[in-house]
């Protein structure tokens, strides 16, 4: 049997499926291909940009506990590999509509969200609420007080629910606390309801003492001192390198040769002086101890000329004849 790329036969059960909040829903995809294709369900979301989020890897997608996060469009992708090349097909989108009581999203901890501000600053508390139909009531509650969306009370102001652009049935609730004080540090609970039910979630406001001005000045001064120290060390290192190596680096080849010749001349001069002293000593020694005729000292012979002749010649001097 020949191989062929997959193609989608059906997807559903319908182009639009409506499910109650926290109920169970199933989406099915059928595709044909040889080899048999693999499946992938992708949800199209638009927060913050449009993207496809994987939701399942089987022909039948089961969602056991539907929430407003599951609302949106779904596509089925079937793929197989023929001769090392992947072939795929994608279905038309099917929509899942979720209806039910309000649901407050973004639970990051059992105690809800937390906002931290410094004393004297304005605080903004925000929560996202999804509901279909739209909530008919939303109010902030704290310390026995209630502030309906769209109302204000002294330093507190609750905005009307704002439509979230990326979610059709989701809204943002906001509470402003101006010039927050230590007494404002507490949990603020958002209560929302429609004809199908209600939901609540608390967000905690933490008010901290501002950093004293003296501490900020000290931190800034310390940072400046560290910067000046780093600059000083860098300049000192640069000067040291310039002192040690700058002169040689700036000499031209002719100057280097002259300097080298000067040093060699000094060495030669020292060697010549030493040689002369050694030579003088050798001459003096030769003058004292030499046995050669040229260097032998003259002897002085005392006496008459005849005696001198006898001593020199080694014989008697002939006498002249006497007259008779």
C-alpha atoms as a PDB file:
ATOM      1  CA  UNK A   1       0.000   0.000   0.000  1.00  0.00           C
ATOM      2  CA  UNK A   2       1.381   3.352  -0.935  1.00  0.00           C
ATOM      3  CA  UNK A   3       2.205   6.063   1.605  1.00  0.00           C
ATOM      4  CA  UNK A   4       0.353   9.378   1.580  1.00  0.00           C
ATOM      5  CA  UNK A   5       0.191  12.548   3.668  1.00  0.00           C
ATOM      6  CA  UNK A   6      -2.563  12.955   6.279  1.00  0.00           C
ATOM      7  CA  UNK A   7      -5.771  14.864   5.748  1.00  0.00           C
ATOM      8  CA  UNK A   8      -8.447  15.860   8.284  1.00  0.00           C
ATOM      9  CA  UNK A   9     -11.739  14.000   7.943  1.00  0.00           C
ATOM     10  CA  UNK A  10     -13.711  15.566  10.798  1.00  0.00           C
ATOM     11  CA  UNK A  11     -13.349  17.717  13.914  1.00  0.00           C
ATOM     12  CA  UNK A  12     -15.984  18.556  16.505  1.00  0.00           C
ATOM     13  CA  UNK A  13     -18.456  17.559  17.724  1.00  0.00           C
ATOM     14  CA  UNK A  14     -19.550  21.042  16.505  1.00  0.00           C
ATOM     15  CA  UNK A  15     -17.984  24.247  15.346  1.00  0.00           C
ATOM     16  CA  UNK A  16     -19.143  25.817  18.636  1.00  0.00           C
ATOM     17  CA  UNK A  17     -19.305  23.911  21.904  1.00  0.00           C
ATOM     18  CA  UNK A  18     -20.779  25.444  25.065  1.00  0.00           C
ATOM     19  CA  UNK A  19     -19.708  24.070  28.434  1.00  0.00           C
ATOM     20  CA  UNK A  20     -20.691  24.929  32.008  1.00  0.00           C
ATOM     21  CA  UNK A  21     -17.982  26.148  34.357  1.00  0.00           C
ATOM     22  CA  UNK A  22     -16.268  23.226  36.143  1.00  0.00           C
ATOM     23  CA  UNK A  23     -17.962  20.683  33.835  1.00  0.00           C
ATOM     24  CA  UNK A  24     -16.397  18.115  31.494  1.00  0.00           C
ATOM     25  CA  UNK A  25     -16.040  18.511  27.741  1.00  0.00           C
ATOM     26  CA  UNK A  26     -14.619  16.420  24.870  1.00  0.00           C
ATOM     27  CA  UNK A  27     -13.333  17.461  21.436  1.00  0.00           C
ATOM     28  CA  UNK A  28     -12.626  14.820  18.751  1.00  0.00           C
ATOM     29  CA  UNK A  29     -10.439  14.853  15.637  1.00  0.00           C
ATOM     30  CA  UNK A  30     -10.266  12.222  12.862  1.00  0.00           C
ATOM     31  CA  UNK A  31      -7.541  12.140  10.193  1.00  0.00           C
ATOM     32  CA  UNK A  32      -6.459   9.664   7.506  1.00  0.00           C
ATOM     33  CA  UNK A  33      -2.917   9.000   6.345  1.00  0.00           C
ATOM     34  CA  UNK A  34      -0.305   6.310   5.773  1.00  0.00           C
ATOM     35  CA  UNK A  35       1.645   5.823   7.946  1.00  0.00           C
ATOM     36  CA  UNK A  36      -1.074   6.576  10.525  1.00  0.00           C
ATOM     37  CA  UNK A  37      -0.646  10.187  11.660  1.00  0.00           C
ATOM     38  CA  UNK A  38       0.052  11.539  15.124  1.00  0.00           C
ATOM     39  CA  UNK A  39      -2.290  14.141  16.659  1.00  0.00           C
ATOM     40  CA  UNK A  40      -1.930  17.403  18.518  1.00  0.00           C
ATOM     41  CA  UNK A  41      -4.605  19.751  19.884  1.00  0.00           C
ATOM     42  CA  UNK A  42      -3.667  23.437  20.029  1.00  0.00           C
ATOM     43  CA  UNK A  43      -5.554  26.274  21.721  1.00  0.00           C
ATOM     44  CA  UNK A  44      -5.297  29.698  20.124  1.00  0.00           C
ATOM     45  CA  UNK A  45      -4.736  32.398  22.750  1.00  0.00           C
ATOM     46  CA  UNK A  46      -4.112  36.123  22.369  1.00  0.00           C
ATOM     47  CA  UNK A  47      -2.452  37.166  25.613  1.00  0.00           C
ATOM     48  CA  UNK A  48      -0.245  39.081  25.078  1.00  0.00           C
ATOM     49  CA  UNK A  49       0.281  37.927  21.455  1.00  0.00           C
ATOM     50  CA  UNK A  50      -1.595  35.357  19.430  1.00  0.00           C
ATOM     51  CA  UNK A  51      -0.047  31.945  20.040  1.00  0.00           C
ATOM     52  CA  UNK A  52      -0.944  28.235  19.943  1.00  0.00           C
ATOM     53  CA  UNK A  53      -0.832  26.450  23.296  1.00  0.00           C
ATOM     54  CA  UNK A  54      -0.601  22.590  23.288  1.00  0.00           C
ATOM     55  CA  UNK A  55      -3.576  20.992  25.040  1.00  0.00           C
ATOM     56  CA  UNK A  56      -3.429  17.312  24.046  1.00  0.00           C
ATOM     57  CA  UNK A  57      -1.680  14.672  21.909  1.00  0.00           C
ATOM     58  CA  UNK A  58      -4.504  12.219  21.106  1.00  0.00           C
ATOM     59  CA  UNK A  59      -7.436  12.219  18.674  1.00  0.00           C
ATOM     60  CA  UNK A  60      -9.826  12.789  21.625  1.00  0.00           C
ATOM     61  CA  UNK A  61      -9.218  15.860  23.807  1.00  0.00           C
ATOM     62  CA  UNK A  62     -10.812  15.536  27.269  1.00  0.00           C
ATOM     63  CA  UNK A  63     -11.044  18.518  29.619  1.00  0.00           C
ATOM     64  CA  UNK A  64     -12.204  17.226  33.000  1.00  0.00           C
ATOM     65  CA  UNK A  65     -12.704  20.551  34.811  1.00  0.00           C
ATOM     66  CA  UNK A  66     -13.516  23.406  32.451  1.00  0.00           C
ATOM     67  CA  UNK A  67     -12.555  26.923  33.522  1.00  0.00           C
ATOM     68  CA  UNK A  68     -12.564  30.253  31.739  1.00  0.00           C
ATOM     69  CA  UNK A  69      -8.917  29.607  30.832  1.00  0.00           C
ATOM     70  CA  UNK A  70     -10.154  26.921  28.422  1.00  0.00           C
ATOM     71  CA  UNK A  71     -12.454  29.278  26.547  1.00  0.00           C
ATOM     72  CA  UNK A  72     -11.343  30.024  22.984  1.00  0.00           C
ATOM     73  CA  UNK A  73     -10.565  28.407  19.634  1.00  0.00           C
ATOM     74  CA  UNK A  74      -8.994  24.967  19.121  1.00  0.00           C
ATOM     75  CA  UNK A  75      -7.355  23.371  16.056  1.00  0.00           C
ATOM     76  CA  UNK A  76      -6.332  19.764  15.432  1.00  0.00           C
ATOM     77  CA  UNK A  77      -2.995  18.982  13.739  1.00  0.00           C
ATOM     78  CA  UNK A  78      -2.234  15.581  12.184  1.00  0.00           C
ATOM     79  CA  UNK A  79       1.260  14.656  10.925  1.00  0.00           C
ATOM     80  CA  UNK A  80       3.246  11.683   9.581  1.00  0.00           C
ATOM     81  CA  UNK A  81       6.726  11.103   8.106  1.00  0.00           C
ATOM     82  CA  UNK A  82       7.311   9.734   4.587  1.00  0.00           C
ATOM     83  CA  UNK A  83      10.859   9.090   3.331  1.00  0.00           C
ATOM     84  CA  UNK A  84      12.299  11.269   6.068  1.00  0.00           C
ATOM     85  CA  UNK A  85       9.983  14.202   5.328  1.00  0.00           C
ATOM     86  CA  UNK A  86       7.200  15.315   7.665  1.00  0.00           C
ATOM     87  CA  UNK A  87       3.740  15.964   6.221  1.00  0.00           C
ATOM     88  CA  UNK A  88       0.956  17.597   8.221  1.00  0.00           C
ATOM     89  CA  UNK A  89      -2.605  18.872   7.979  1.00  0.00           C
ATOM     90  CA  UNK A  90      -4.504  21.258  10.246  1.00  0.00           C
ATOM     91  CA  UNK A  91      -8.226  21.376  10.863  1.00  0.00           C
ATOM     92  CA  UNK A  92     -10.564  24.326  10.903  1.00  0.00           C
ATOM     93  CA  UNK A  93     -10.930  25.997  14.285  1.00  0.00           C
ATOM     94  CA  UNK A  94     -13.649  24.957  16.708  1.00  0.00           C
ATOM     95  CA  UNK A  95     -14.734  27.250  19.547  1.00  0.00           C
ATOM     96  CA  UNK A  96     -15.321  26.409  23.190  1.00  0.00           C
ATOM     97  CA  UNK A  97     -17.673  28.773  25.054  1.00  0.00           C
ATOM     98  CA  UNK A  98     -17.680  28.640  28.862  1.00  0.00           C
ATOM     99  CA  UNK A  99     -20.683  29.904  30.837  1.00  0.00           C
ATOM    100  CA  UNK A 100     -21.333  29.990  34.545  1.00  0.00           C
ATOM    101  CA  UNK A 101     -20.659  31.810  37.764  1.00  0.00           C
ATOM    102  CA  UNK A 102     -17.872  34.394  38.072  1.00  0.00           C
ATOM    103  CA  UNK A 103     -14.346  33.118  38.589  1.00  0.00           C
ATOM    104  CA  UNK A 104     -11.543  35.252  40.006  1.00  0.00           C
ATOM    105  CA  UNK A 105      -8.292  34.288  38.263  1.00  0.00           C
ATOM    106  CA  UNK A 106      -4.644  34.636  39.194  1.00  0.00           C
ATOM    107  CA  UNK A 107      -4.536  32.788  42.493  1.00  0.00           C
ATOM    108  CA  UNK A 108      -0.798  32.613  43.194  1.00  0.00           C
ATOM    109  CA  UNK A 109      -1.141  31.548  46.858  1.00  0.00           C
ATOM    110  CA  UNK A 110      -3.862  30.371  49.266  1.00  0.00           C
ATOM    111  CA  UNK A 111      -4.041  33.887  50.711  1.00  0.00           C
ATOM    112  CA  UNK A 112      -4.425  35.490  47.282  1.00  0.00           C
ATOM    113  CA  UNK A 113      -2.363  38.230  45.681  1.00  0.00           C
ATOM    114  CA  UNK A 114      -0.045  40.673  47.521  1.00  0.00           C
ATOM    115  CA  UNK A 115       0.852  44.304  46.793  1.00  0.00           C
ATOM    116  CA  UNK A 116       3.745  46.066  48.567  1.00  0.00           C
ATOM    117  CA  UNK A 117       4.117  49.868  48.736  1.00  0.00           C
ATOM    118  CA  UNK A 118       6.004  52.382  50.891  1.00  0.00           C
ATOM    119  CA  UNK A 119       4.090  54.473  53.416  1.00  0.00           C
ATOM    120  CA  UNK A 120       2.764  57.610  51.784  1.00  0.00           C
ATOM    121  CA  UNK A 121       2.623  56.148  48.268  1.00  0.00           C
ATOM    122  CA  UNK A 122      -0.538  55.342  46.291  1.00  0.00           C
ATOM    123  CA  UNK A 123      -1.439  51.653  46.037  1.00  0.00           C
ATOM    124  CA  UNK A 124      -3.295  49.934  43.189  1.00  0.00           C
ATOM    125  CA  UNK A 125      -4.956  46.556  43.848  1.00  0.00           C
ATOM    126  CA  UNK A 126      -6.003  44.598  40.721  1.00  0.00           C
ATOM    127  CA  UNK A 127      -7.742  41.284  40.126  1.00  0.00           C
ATOM    128  CA  UNK A 128      -9.092  39.601  36.968  1.00  0.00           C
ATOM    129  CA  UNK A 129     -12.633  38.247  36.938  1.00  0.00           C
ATOM    130  CA  UNK A 130     -14.185  36.049  34.228  1.00  0.00           C
ATOM    131  CA  UNK A 131     -17.930  35.450  34.013  1.00  0.00           C
ATOM    132  CA  UNK A 132     -20.611  34.626  31.459  1.00  0.00           C
ATOM    133  CA  UNK A 133     -22.944  36.356  31.789  1.00  0.00           C
ATOM    134  CA  UNK A 134     -21.162  39.523  32.916  1.00  0.00           C
ATOM    135  CA  UNK A 135     -21.072  40.099  36.679  1.00  0.00           C
ATOM    136  CA  UNK A 136     -24.007  42.169  37.856  1.00  0.00           C
ATOM    137  CA  UNK A 137     -22.252  43.169  41.074  1.00  0.00           C
ATOM    138  CA  UNK A 138     -18.658  43.684  42.115  1.00  0.00           C
ATOM    139  CA  UNK A 139     -17.551  45.151  45.450  1.00  0.00           C
ATOM    140  CA  UNK A 140     -14.420  45.493  47.566  1.00  0.00           C
ATOM    141  CA  UNK A 141     -14.759  44.490  51.230  1.00  0.00           C
ATOM    142  CA  UNK A 142     -12.463  45.195  54.210  1.00  0.00           C
ATOM    143  CA  UNK A 143     -12.868  45.867  57.934  1.00  0.00           C
ATOM    144  CA  UNK A 144     -16.688  45.743  57.818  1.00  0.00           C
ATOM    145  CA  UNK A 145     -16.803  48.204  54.894  1.00  0.00           C
ATOM    146  CA  UNK A 146     -18.008  47.656  51.321  1.00  0.00           C
ATOM    147  CA  UNK A 147     -17.126  49.771  48.293  1.00  0.00           C
ATOM    148  CA  UNK A 148     -19.062  49.042  45.103  1.00  0.00           C
ATOM    149  CA  UNK A 149     -17.315  49.219  41.718  1.00  0.00           C
ATOM    150  CA  UNK A 150     -17.560  52.798  40.418  1.00  0.00           C
ATOM    151  CA  UNK A 151     -17.733  54.398  43.918  1.00  0.00           C
ATOM    152  CA  UNK A 152     -15.208  56.129  46.180  1.00  0.00           C
ATOM    153  CA  UNK A 153     -14.824  56.598  49.938  1.00  0.00           C
ATOM    154  CA  UNK A 154     -12.251  59.109  51.196  1.00  0.00           C
ATOM    155  CA  UNK A 155      -8.837  57.892  50.091  1.00  0.00           C
ATOM    156  CA  UNK A 156     -10.347  54.751  48.498  1.00  0.00           C
ATOM    157  CA  UNK A 157     -11.720  54.510  44.951  1.00  0.00           C
ATOM    158  CA  UNK A 158     -13.105  51.423  43.161  1.00  0.00           C
ATOM    159  CA  UNK A 159     -13.139  51.548  39.348  1.00  0.00           C
ATOM    160  CA  UNK A 160     -15.831  50.065  37.153  1.00  0.00           C
ATOM    161  CA  UNK A 161     -15.013  46.638  35.732  1.00  0.00           C
ATOM    162  CA  UNK A 162     -12.824  47.013  32.637  1.00  0.00           C
ATOM    163  CA  UNK A 163     -13.118  44.645  29.670  1.00  0.00           C
ATOM    164  CA  UNK A 164      -9.910  42.701  29.018  1.00  0.00           C
ATOM    165  CA  UNK A 165      -9.090  43.034  25.288  1.00  0.00           C
ATOM    166  CA  UNK A 166      -7.608  39.519  24.976  1.00  0.00           C
ATOM    167  CA  UNK A 167     -10.428  37.717  26.840  1.00  0.00           C
ATOM    168  CA  UNK A 168     -14.053  38.032  25.744  1.00  0.00           C
ATOM    169  CA  UNK A 169     -15.678  37.291  29.102  1.00  0.00           C
ATOM    170  CA  UNK A 170     -12.941  38.552  31.433  1.00  0.00           C
ATOM    171  CA  UNK A 171     -12.732  41.888  33.267  1.00  0.00           C
ATOM    172  CA  UNK A 172     -10.281  43.728  35.529  1.00  0.00           C
ATOM    173  CA  UNK A 173     -11.323  45.086  38.933  1.00  0.00           C
ATOM    174  CA  UNK A 174      -9.236  47.923  40.466  1.00  0.00           C
ATOM    175  CA  UNK A 175      -9.078  49.497  43.915  1.00  0.00           C
ATOM    176  CA  UNK A 176      -7.005  52.661  44.515  1.00  0.00           C
ATOM    177  CA  UNK A 177      -5.646  53.483  47.991  1.00  0.00           C
ATOM    178  CA  UNK A 178      -4.195  56.994  48.050  1.00  0.00           C
ATOM    179  CA  UNK A 179      -1.315  57.836  50.391  1.00  0.00           C
ATOM    180  CA  UNK A 180      -1.292  54.414  51.979  1.00  0.00           C
ATOM    181  CA  UNK A 181      -0.663  54.318  55.728  1.00  0.00           C
ATOM    182  CA  UNK A 182       0.172  51.564  58.202  1.00  0.00           C
ATOM    183  CA  UNK A 183      -3.506  51.330  59.093  1.00  0.00           C
ATOM    184  CA  UNK A 184      -4.271  50.398  55.464  1.00  0.00           C
ATOM    185  CA  UNK A 185      -2.149  47.232  55.638  1.00  0.00           C
ATOM    186  CA  UNK A 186      -4.696  44.412  55.503  1.00  0.00           C
ATOM    187  CA  UNK A 187      -6.517  42.038  53.139  1.00  0.00           C
ATOM    188  CA  UNK A 188      -9.040  43.489  50.694  1.00  0.00           C
ATOM    189  CA  UNK A 189     -11.565  41.001  49.312  1.00  0.00           C
ATOM    190  CA  UNK A 190     -13.220  41.287  45.920  1.00  0.00           C
ATOM    191  CA  UNK A 191     -16.734  39.817  45.763  1.00  0.00           C
ATOM    192  CA  UNK A 192     -18.397  39.318  42.362  1.00  0.00           C
ATOM    193  CA  UNK A 193     -21.655  37.634  41.384  1.00  0.00           C
ATOM    194  CA  UNK A 194     -24.040  37.051  38.494  1.00  0.00           C
ATOM    195  CA  UNK A 195     -27.253  35.047  38.113  1.00  0.00           C
ATOM    196  CA  UNK A 196     -25.284  31.773  37.984  1.00  0.00           C
ATOM    197  CA  UNK A 197     -23.271  32.219  41.155  1.00  0.00           C
ATOM    198  CA  UNK A 198     -20.557  34.178  42.986  1.00  0.00           C
ATOM    199  CA  UNK A 199     -16.851  34.109  43.777  1.00  0.00           C
ATOM    200  CA  UNK A 200     -14.464  35.938  46.132  1.00  0.00           C
ATOM    201  CA  UNK A 201     -10.727  36.434  46.385  1.00  0.00           C
ATOM    202  CA  UNK A 202      -8.551  38.521  48.729  1.00  0.00           C
ATOM    203  CA  UNK A 203      -5.539  40.632  47.848  1.00  0.00           C
ATOM    204  CA  UNK A 204      -3.237  41.756  50.660  1.00  0.00           C
ATOM    205  CA  UNK A 205      -1.760  45.239  50.932  1.00  0.00           C
ATOM    206  CA  UNK A 206       1.635  45.523  52.675  1.00  0.00           C
ATOM    207  CA  UNK A 207       2.733  49.029  53.708  1.00  0.00           C
ATOM    208  CA  UNK A 208       6.420  49.458  54.516  1.00  0.00           C
ATOM    209  CA  UNK A 209       8.260  52.331  56.128  1.00  0.00           C
ATOM    210  CA  UNK A 210      10.047  54.434  53.508  1.00  0.00           C
ATOM    211  CA  UNK A 211      13.827  54.392  53.441  1.00  0.00           C
ATOM    212  CA  UNK A 212      15.129  57.397  55.483  1.00  0.00           C
ATOM    213  CA  UNK A 213      16.725  60.228  53.526  1.00  0.00           C
ATOM    214  CA  UNK A 214      19.935  59.879  55.517  1.00  0.00           C
ATOM    215  CA  UNK A 215      20.175  56.239  54.470  1.00  0.00           C
ATOM    216  CA  UNK A 216      19.651  57.164  50.822  1.00  0.00           C
ATOM    217  CA  UNK A 217      22.329  59.886  51.090  1.00  0.00           C
ATOM    218  CA  UNK A 218      24.733  57.455  52.753  1.00  0.00           C
ATOM    219  CA  UNK A 219      24.133  54.859  50.067  1.00  0.00           C
ATOM    220  CA  UNK A 220      24.671  57.448  47.339  1.00  0.00           C
ATOM    221  CA  UNK A 221      27.852  58.716  49.011  1.00  0.00           C
ATOM    222  CA  UNK A 222      29.161  55.186  49.349  1.00  0.00           C
ATOM    223  CA  UNK A 223      28.516  54.543  45.686  1.00  0.00           C
ATOM    224  CA  UNK A 224      30.350  57.748  44.725  1.00  0.00           C
ATOM    225  CA  UNK A 225      33.325  56.864  46.947  1.00  0.00           C
ATOM    226  CA  UNK A 226      33.557  53.415  45.418  1.00  0.00           C
ATOM    227  CA  UNK A 227      33.484  54.949  41.953  1.00  0.00           C
ATOM    228  CA  UNK A 228      36.216  57.481  42.852  1.00  0.00           C
ATOM    229  CA  UNK A 229      38.339  54.711  44.372  1.00  0.00           C
ATOM    230  CA  UNK A 230      38.046  52.650  41.208  1.00  0.00           C
ATOM    231  CA  UNK A 231      39.037  55.670  39.089  1.00  0.00           C
ATOM    232  CA  UNK A 232      42.005  56.438  41.372  1.00  0.00           C
ATOM    233  CA  UNK A 233      43.284  52.861  41.207  1.00  0.00           C
ATOM    234  CA  UNK A 234      42.968  52.910  37.423  1.00  0.00           C
ATOM    235  CA  UNK A 235      44.856  56.217  37.100  1.00  0.00           C
ATOM    236  CA  UNK A 236      47.574  55.029  39.486  1.00  0.00           C
ATOM    237  CA  UNK A 237      48.077  51.835  37.518  1.00  0.00           C
ATOM    238  CA  UNK A 238      48.242  53.799  34.263  1.00  0.00           C
ATOM    239  CA  UNK A 239      50.862  56.191  35.676  1.00  0.00           C
ATOM    240  CA  UNK A 240      52.946  53.323  36.972  1.00  0.00           C
ATOM    241  CA  UNK A 241      52.953  51.641  33.594  1.00  0.00           C
ATOM    242  CA  UNK A 242      53.853  54.931  31.920  1.00  0.00           C
ATOM    243  CA  UNK A 243      56.725  55.542  34.365  1.00  0.00           C
ATOM    244  CA  UNK A 244      58.206  52.085  33.887  1.00  0.00           C
ATOM    245  CA  UNK A 245      57.694  51.527  30.217  1.00  0.00           C
ATOM    246  CA  UNK A 246      56.771  54.843  28.646  1.00  0.00           C
ATOM    247  CA  UNK A 247      60.337  56.112  28.032  1.00  0.00           C
ATOM    248  CA  UNK A 248      61.469  52.971  26.230  1.00  0.00           C
ATOM    249  CA  UNK A 249      58.282  52.826  24.270  1.00  0.00           C
ATOM    250  CA  UNK A 250      58.809  56.435  23.060  1.00  0.00           C
ATOM    251  CA  UNK A 251      62.471  56.032  21.957  1.00  0.00           C
ATOM    252  CA  UNK A 252      63.140  55.894  18.234  1.00  0.00           C
ATOM    253  CA  UNK A 253      65.397  53.139  16.908  1.00  0.00           C
ATOM    254  CA  UNK A 254      68.340  55.558  16.421  1.00  0.00           C
ATOM    255  CA  UNK A 255      68.057  56.781  20.012  1.00  0.00           C
ATOM    256  CA  UNK A 256      67.970  53.234  21.289  1.00  0.00           C
ATOM    257  CA  UNK A 257      71.138  52.451  19.280  1.00  0.00           C
ATOM    258  CA  UNK A 258      72.953  55.566  20.633  1.00  0.00           C
ATOM    259  CA  UNK A 259      71.971  54.692  24.167  1.00  0.00           C
ATOM    260  CA  UNK A 260      73.197  51.160  23.668  1.00  0.00           C
ATOM    261  CA  UNK A 261      76.489  52.448  22.149  1.00  0.00           C
ATOM    262  CA  UNK A 262      76.989  54.778  25.103  1.00  0.00           C
ATOM    263  CA  UNK A 263      76.605  51.905  27.522  1.00  0.00           C
ATOM    264  CA  UNK A 264      79.008  49.753  25.466  1.00  0.00           C
ATOM    265  CA  UNK A 265      81.570  52.613  25.398  1.00  0.00           C
ATOM    266  CA  UNK A 266      81.476  52.935  29.170  1.00  0.00           C
ATOM    267  CA  UNK A 267      82.089  49.229  29.495  1.00  0.00           C
ATOM    268  CA  UNK A 268      85.055  49.415  27.071  1.00  0.00           C
ATOM    269  CA  UNK A 269      86.538  52.375  28.951  1.00  0.00           C
ATOM    270  CA  UNK A 270      86.377  50.496  32.217  1.00  0.00           C
ATOM    271  CA  UNK A 271      87.996  47.475  30.573  1.00  0.00           C
ATOM    272  CA  UNK A 272      90.853  49.646  29.082  1.00  0.00           C
ATOM    273  CA  UNK A 273      91.592  51.215  32.439  1.00  0.00           C
ATOM    274  CA  UNK A 274      91.825  47.824  34.062  1.00  0.00           C
ATOM    275  CA  UNK A 275      94.063  46.582  31.237  1.00  0.00           C
ATOM    276  CA  UNK A 276      96.401  49.546  31.588  1.00  0.00           C
ATOM    277  CA  UNK A 277      96.772  49.018  35.328  1.00  0.00           C
ATOM    278  CA  UNK A 278      97.529  45.348  34.735  1.00  0.00           C
ATOM    279  CA  UNK A 279     100.073  46.242  32.005  1.00  0.00           C
ATOM    280  CA  UNK A 280     101.878  48.744  34.238  1.00  0.00           C
ATOM    281  CA  UNK A 281     102.232  46.113  36.924  1.00  0.00           C
ATOM    282  CA  UNK A 282     103.669  43.658  34.434  1.00  0.00           C
ATOM    283  CA  UNK A 283     106.283  46.189  33.156  1.00  0.00           C
ATOM    284  CA  UNK A 284     107.402  46.992  36.660  1.00  0.00           C
ATOM    285  CA  UNK A 285     107.884  43.344  37.478  1.00  0.00           C
ATOM    286  CA  UNK A 286     109.879  42.767  34.305  1.00  0.00           C
ATOM    287  CA  UNK A 287     112.125  45.686  35.103  1.00  0.00           C
ATOM    288  CA  UNK A 288     113.036  44.254  38.496  1.00  0.00           C
ATOM    289  CA  UNK A 289     113.386  40.583  37.649  1.00  0.00           C
ATOM    290  CA  UNK A 290     114.526  40.517  34.010  1.00  0.00           C
ATOM    291  CA  UNK A 291     118.014  38.923  33.213  1.00  0.00           C
ATOM    292  CA  UNK A 292     118.418  40.195  29.674  1.00  0.00           C
ATOM    293  CA  UNK A 293     121.450  42.427  28.863  1.00  0.00           C
ATOM    294  CA  UNK A 294     119.345  45.315  27.930  1.00  0.00           C
ATOM    295  CA  UNK A 295     117.678  45.392  31.229  1.00  0.00           C
ATOM    296  CA  UNK A 296     120.771  44.535  33.364  1.00  0.00           C
ATOM    297  CA  UNK A 297     121.986  47.567  35.371  1.00  0.00           C
ATOM    298  CA  UNK A 298     125.501  49.067  34.672  1.00  0.00           C
ATOM    299  CA  UNK A 299     128.248  48.340  37.168  1.00  0.00           C
ATOM    300  CA  UNK A 300     130.769  50.982  38.224  1.00  0.00           C
ATOM    301  CA  UNK A 301     134.450  49.898  38.438  1.00  0.00           C
ATOM    302  CA  UNK A 302     136.688  52.023  40.575  1.00  0.00           C
ATOM    303  CA  UNK A 303     140.453  52.424  40.057  1.00  0.00           C
ATOM    304  CA  UNK A 304     142.923  53.491  37.419  1.00  0.00           C
ATOM    305  CA  UNK A 305     142.437  52.947  33.721  1.00  0.00           C
ATOM    306  CA  UNK A 306     144.900  50.123  33.721  1.00  0.00           C
ATOM    307  CA  UNK A 307     143.251  48.395  36.530  1.00  0.00           C
ATOM    308  CA  UNK A 308     140.026  48.791  34.711  1.00  0.00           C
ATOM    309  CA  UNK A 309     141.410  47.227  31.577  1.00  0.00           C
ATOM    310  CA  UNK A 310     142.845  44.302  33.588  1.00  0.00           C
ATOM    311  CA  UNK A 311     139.520  43.722  35.223  1.00  0.00           C
ATOM    312  CA  UNK A 312     137.686  43.934  31.972  1.00  0.00           C
ATOM    313  CA  UNK A 313     140.141  41.934  29.913  1.00  0.00           C
ATOM    314  CA  UNK A 314     141.110  39.491  32.549  1.00  0.00           C
ATOM    315  CA  UNK A 315     144.956  39.835  31.787  1.00  0.00           C
ATOM    316  CA  UNK A 316     148.056  41.922  32.710  1.00  0.00           C
ATOM    317  CA  UNK A 317     148.754  45.197  30.956  1.00  0.00           C
ATOM    318  CA  UNK A 318     152.110  45.155  28.959  1.00  0.00           C
ATOM    319  CA  UNK A 319     154.726  47.526  30.257  1.00  0.00           C
ATOM    320  CA  UNK A 320     156.737  49.789  27.911  1.00  0.00           C
ATOM    321  CA  UNK A 321     160.482  48.945  27.481  1.00  0.00           C
ATOM    322  CA  UNK A 322     162.923  50.797  29.599  1.00  0.00           C
ATOM    323  CA  UNK A 323     165.775  52.790  28.101  1.00  0.00           C
ATOM    324  CA  UNK A 324     169.391  51.882  29.063  1.00  0.00           C
END
